[in-house]
Each structure stands twice: as C-alpha cells, then as structure tokens.
Amino acid sequence: MPAIEVGRICIKQAGRECCTRCVIVDVMDKSFVLVTGPKKLTGVKRRRVNISHIMPIEEKIDITRGASDDEVFQAIEAQGKLDVMKD
C-alpha cells in the first residue's frame, strides 16, 4: 500500500462522497488527514477525514503542504492527472 503523504491521490470509502477521488493536502496526526477533491473537479469538499476511510492509490501529484484548491487543480491539470481523478 502506498504511503499516506501530501499529494497522494486516494479513493474515499465512507460517507456521502464514497467512491470519489481526492488528494491529501495535509497530514494532521496519525489518524487524520486533510483532503480536497477539489470540489469543482470531483465534488469532494476540503475536510478532515480518518485515514481508515480512504484508500491511497499509486498516483501522486507534486503539491506543497496546505495547498489551496486552485493550486491542487492546477497541479492535477499540469501533470496530466485529470483522467485519473475523473474515474
């Protein structure tokens, strides 16, 4: 399993946003991370989630810790990962 790290693309496995893709923006502690879709791309709002509710995948983007939704969207677009996020 890939590491839980900033920039890792994950699939949400619980809640109303189940089965959608998101990006880890910040690692808060050993149990929680901050994720974003961004909302205009996948519909996932920026929020804190338990790491047991997400499944990391092999894909990763290069972003800084705490990047804004616009910065995340631009990084996804620049690195050609739009098709990965739409699946």
N, C-alpha and C. Protein backbone atom coordinates (compact mmCIF):
# COMPACT_ATOMS: atom_id res chain seq x y z
N MET A 1 0.84 -1.18 0.00
CA MET A 1 0.00 0.00 0.00
C MET A 1 0.88 1.24 0.00
N PRO A 2 0.57 2.23 -0.83
CA PRO A 2 1.36 3.46 -0.85
C PRO A 2 1.23 4.23 0.48
N ALA A 3 2.20 5.05 0.74
CA ALA A 3 2.23 5.80 2.00
C ALA A 3 1.17 6.90 2.01
N ILE A 4 0.74 7.25 3.22
CA ILE A 4 -0.14 8.41 3.41
C ILE A 4 0.77 9.62 3.43
N GLU A 5 0.72 10.43 2.36
CA GLU A 5 1.60 11.59 2.25
C GLU A 5 0.91 12.70 1.47
N VAL A 6 1.43 13.91 1.59
CA VAL A 6 0.87 15.06 0.89
C VAL A 6 1.01 14.83 -0.62
N GLY A 7 -0.10 15.02 -1.35
CA GLY A 7 -0.09 14.85 -2.79
C GLY A 7 -0.58 13.49 -3.26
N ARG A 8 -0.77 12.55 -2.34
CA ARG A 8 -1.23 11.21 -2.71
C ARG A 8 -2.71 11.26 -3.10
N ILE A 9 -3.06 10.64 -4.20
CA ILE A 9 -4.46 10.56 -4.63
C ILE A 9 -5.08 9.34 -3.96
N CYS A 10 -6.29 9.52 -3.42
CA CYS A 10 -6.98 8.46 -2.66
C CYS A 10 -8.41 8.32 -3.16
N ILE A 11 -9.02 7.20 -2.78
CA ILE A 11 -10.44 6.97 -3.03
C ILE A 11 -11.14 6.96 -1.69
N LYS A 12 -12.17 7.79 -1.54
CA LYS A 12 -12.93 7.80 -0.28
C LYS A 12 -13.77 6.54 -0.21
N GLN A 13 -13.80 5.91 0.96
CA GLN A 13 -14.51 4.64 1.13
C GLN A 13 -15.67 4.73 2.10
N ALA A 14 -15.96 5.91 2.61
CA ALA A 14 -17.06 6.06 3.57
C ALA A 14 -17.69 7.43 3.41
N GLY A 15 -18.93 7.56 3.82
CA GLY A 15 -19.62 8.84 3.79
C GLY A 15 -20.33 9.09 2.48
N ARG A 16 -20.91 10.27 2.36
CA ARG A 16 -21.69 10.60 1.16
C ARG A 16 -20.83 10.76 -0.08
N GLU A 17 -19.54 10.97 0.11
CA GLU A 17 -18.62 11.11 -1.03
C GLU A 17 -17.91 9.79 -1.34
N CYS A 18 -18.49 8.69 -0.92
CA CYS A 18 -17.91 7.36 -1.12
C CYS A 18 -17.65 7.10 -2.61
N CYS A 19 -16.53 6.46 -2.88
CA CYS A 19 -16.12 6.05 -4.23
C CYS A 19 -15.67 7.22 -5.12
N THR A 20 -15.40 8.39 -4.54
CA THR A 20 -14.86 9.50 -5.31
C THR A 20 -13.39 9.68 -4.97
N ARG A 21 -12.68 10.33 -5.86
CA ARG A 21 -11.24 10.51 -5.68
C ARG A 21 -10.95 11.85 -5.01
N CYS A 22 -9.89 11.88 -4.23
CA CYS A 22 -9.48 13.10 -3.54
C CYS A 22 -7.96 13.12 -3.42
N VAL A 23 -7.42 14.24 -2.98
CA VAL A 23 -5.98 14.42 -2.83
C VAL A 23 -5.68 14.80 -1.38
N ILE A 24 -4.67 14.17 -0.79
CA ILE A 24 -4.25 14.53 0.57
C ILE A 24 -3.49 15.85 0.51
N VAL A 25 -3.96 16.84 1.29
CA VAL A 25 -3.35 18.17 1.31
C VAL A 25 -2.46 18.34 2.54
N ASP A 26 -2.81 17.70 3.65
CA ASP A 26 -2.04 17.83 4.88
C ASP A 26 -2.24 16.59 5.74
N VAL A 27 -1.20 16.16 6.44
CA VAL A 27 -1.30 15.06 7.40
C VAL A 27 -1.37 15.70 8.77
N MET A 28 -2.53 15.53 9.45
CA MET A 28 -2.76 16.21 10.73
C MET A 28 -2.13 15.46 11.89
N ASP A 29 -2.40 14.17 11.99
CA ASP A 29 -1.78 13.31 13.00
C ASP A 29 -1.83 11.88 12.50
N LYS A 30 -1.63 10.91 13.39
CA LYS A 30 -1.55 9.52 12.93
C LYS A 30 -2.90 8.96 12.47
N SER A 31 -4.00 9.63 12.75
CA SER A 31 -5.32 9.13 12.39
C SER A 31 -6.07 9.98 11.36
N PHE A 32 -5.69 11.24 11.20
CA PHE A 32 -6.47 12.14 10.35
C PHE A 32 -5.62 12.85 9.31
N VAL A 33 -6.22 13.08 8.14
CA VAL A 33 -5.59 13.86 7.08
C VAL A 33 -6.60 14.88 6.56
N LEU A 34 -6.10 15.92 5.92
CA LEU A 34 -6.95 16.91 5.27
C LEU A 34 -6.96 16.60 3.78
N VAL A 35 -8.16 16.43 3.21
CA VAL A 35 -8.27 16.10 1.79
C VAL A 35 -9.11 17.15 1.06
N THR A 36 -8.95 17.18 -0.25
CA THR A 36 -9.79 18.00 -1.12
C THR A 36 -9.93 17.29 -2.44
N GLY A 37 -10.98 17.63 -3.18
CA GLY A 37 -11.27 16.98 -4.46
C GLY A 37 -10.40 17.50 -5.60
N PRO A 38 -10.30 18.72 -5.86
CA PRO A 38 -11.09 19.84 -5.38
C PRO A 38 -12.55 19.75 -5.78
N LYS A 39 -13.39 20.49 -5.08
CA LYS A 39 -14.84 20.36 -5.24
C LYS A 39 -15.30 20.55 -6.68
N LYS A 40 -14.72 21.49 -7.41
CA LYS A 40 -15.18 21.73 -8.79
C LYS A 40 -14.77 20.60 -9.74
N LEU A 41 -13.84 19.73 -9.32
CA LEU A 41 -13.40 18.63 -10.17
C LEU A 41 -14.10 17.32 -9.82
N THR A 42 -14.09 16.94 -8.54
CA THR A 42 -14.66 15.64 -8.15
C THR A 42 -15.86 15.75 -7.22
N GLY A 43 -16.10 16.94 -6.66
CA GLY A 43 -17.22 17.12 -5.74
C GLY A 43 -16.86 16.91 -4.28
N VAL A 44 -15.61 16.58 -3.98
CA VAL A 44 -15.18 16.37 -2.59
C VAL A 44 -14.75 17.71 -2.01
N LYS A 45 -15.42 18.11 -0.91
CA LYS A 45 -15.07 19.35 -0.23
C LYS A 45 -13.79 19.15 0.58
N ARG A 46 -13.09 20.25 0.85
CA ARG A 46 -11.91 20.19 1.71
C ARG A 46 -12.39 19.85 3.12
N ARG A 47 -11.89 18.74 3.67
CA ARG A 47 -12.32 18.33 5.00
C ARG A 47 -11.30 17.38 5.62
N ARG A 48 -11.45 17.21 6.93
CA ARG A 48 -10.61 16.28 7.68
C ARG A 48 -11.27 14.90 7.61
N VAL A 49 -10.49 13.87 7.28
CA VAL A 49 -11.03 12.51 7.24
C VAL A 49 -10.10 11.55 7.98
N ASN A 50 -10.69 10.51 8.49
CA ASN A 50 -9.93 9.44 9.14
C ASN A 50 -9.22 8.64 8.06
N ILE A 51 -7.97 8.26 8.29
CA ILE A 51 -7.23 7.53 7.26
C ILE A 51 -7.81 6.14 7.00
N SER A 52 -8.62 5.63 7.93
CA SER A 52 -9.25 4.34 7.68
C SER A 52 -10.42 4.46 6.71
N HIS A 53 -10.83 5.69 6.37
CA HIS A 53 -11.93 5.92 5.44
C HIS A 53 -11.47 6.25 4.03
N ILE A 54 -10.16 6.21 3.79
CA ILE A 54 -9.64 6.46 2.45
C ILE A 54 -8.71 5.33 2.04
N MET A 55 -8.61 5.10 0.73
CA MET A 55 -7.71 4.08 0.20
C MET A 55 -6.73 4.77 -0.76
N PRO A 56 -5.46 4.88 -0.38
CA PRO A 56 -4.48 5.52 -1.27
C PRO A 56 -4.24 4.65 -2.51
N ILE A 57 -4.01 5.31 -3.64
CA ILE A 57 -3.67 4.59 -4.87
C ILE A 57 -2.24 4.97 -5.27
N GLU A 58 -1.74 4.38 -6.31
CA GLU A 58 -0.35 4.59 -6.73
C GLU A 58 -0.06 6.01 -7.21
N GLU A 59 -1.07 6.69 -7.72
CA GLU A 59 -0.87 8.02 -8.31
C GLU A 59 -0.57 9.07 -7.25
N LYS A 60 0.28 10.04 -7.62
CA LYS A 60 0.66 11.12 -6.70
C LYS A 60 0.91 12.37 -7.53
N ILE A 61 0.59 13.53 -6.96
CA ILE A 61 0.90 14.81 -7.61
C ILE A 61 1.84 15.59 -6.71
N ASP A 62 2.58 16.51 -7.30
CA ASP A 62 3.53 17.33 -6.55
C ASP A 62 2.85 18.62 -6.12
N ILE A 63 2.52 18.71 -4.83
CA ILE A 63 1.95 19.93 -4.25
C ILE A 63 2.64 20.19 -2.93
N THR A 64 2.51 21.42 -2.44
CA THR A 64 3.07 21.76 -1.14
C THR A 64 2.02 21.48 -0.06
N ARG A 65 2.46 21.32 1.15
CA ARG A 65 1.55 21.08 2.27
C ARG A 65 0.63 22.27 2.46
N GLY A 66 -0.67 22.02 2.56
CA GLY A 66 -1.65 23.07 2.76
C GLY A 66 -2.01 23.83 1.50
N ALA A 67 -1.77 23.26 0.33
CA ALA A 67 -2.06 23.94 -0.93
C ALA A 67 -3.55 24.23 -1.05
N SER A 68 -3.88 25.35 -1.70
CA SER A 68 -5.28 25.73 -1.89
C SER A 68 -5.91 24.84 -2.96
N ASP A 69 -7.25 24.90 -3.05
CA ASP A 69 -7.96 24.11 -4.05
C ASP A 69 -7.52 24.49 -5.46
N ASP A 70 -7.29 25.77 -5.71
CA ASP A 70 -6.85 26.21 -7.03
C ASP A 70 -5.46 25.67 -7.37
N GLU A 71 -4.56 25.67 -6.38
CA GLU A 71 -3.22 25.13 -6.60
C GLU A 71 -3.27 23.63 -6.88
N VAL A 72 -4.13 22.92 -6.16
CA VAL A 72 -4.29 21.48 -6.38
C VAL A 72 -4.83 21.22 -7.78
N PHE A 73 -5.85 21.98 -8.19
CA PHE A 73 -6.43 21.81 -9.52
C PHE A 73 -5.39 22.07 -10.60
N GLN A 74 -4.61 23.14 -10.45
CA GLN A 74 -3.58 23.47 -11.43
C GLN A 74 -2.50 22.39 -11.50
N ALA A 75 -2.14 21.80 -10.35
CA ALA A 75 -1.14 20.73 -10.33
C ALA A 75 -1.67 19.47 -11.02
N ILE A 76 -2.94 19.15 -10.77
CA ILE A 76 -3.55 17.99 -11.42
C ILE A 76 -3.57 18.18 -12.94
N GLU A 77 -3.95 19.39 -13.37
CA GLU A 77 -4.03 19.70 -14.79
C GLU A 77 -2.64 19.70 -15.43
N ALA A 78 -1.66 20.30 -14.76
CA ALA A 78 -0.31 20.41 -15.31
C ALA A 78 0.38 19.05 -15.42
N GLN A 79 0.06 18.13 -14.51
CA GLN A 79 0.71 16.82 -14.50
C GLN A 79 -0.09 15.77 -15.25
N GLY A 80 -1.16 16.18 -15.91
CA GLY A 80 -1.93 15.27 -16.76
C GLY A 80 -2.69 14.21 -16.00
N LYS A 81 -3.20 14.52 -14.82
CA LYS A 81 -3.90 13.53 -13.99
C LYS A 81 -5.41 13.73 -13.98
N LEU A 82 -5.95 14.56 -14.89
CA LEU A 82 -7.38 14.80 -14.92
C LEU A 82 -8.18 13.51 -15.15
N ASP A 83 -7.67 12.64 -16.04
CA ASP A 83 -8.36 11.38 -16.31
C ASP A 83 -8.35 10.46 -15.10
N VAL A 84 -7.29 10.50 -14.31
CA VAL A 84 -7.21 9.68 -13.09
C VAL A 84 -8.25 10.14 -12.07
N MET A 85 -8.44 11.45 -11.94
CA MET A 85 -9.38 12.00 -10.97
C MET A 85 -10.83 11.78 -11.39
N LYS A 86 -11.12 11.67 -12.67
CA LYS A 86 -12.49 11.51 -13.15
C LYS A 86 -13.00 10.07 -13.02
N ASP A 87 -12.12 9.08 -12.91
CA ASP A 87 -12.54 7.66 -12.85
C ASP A 87 -13.50 7.37 -11.74
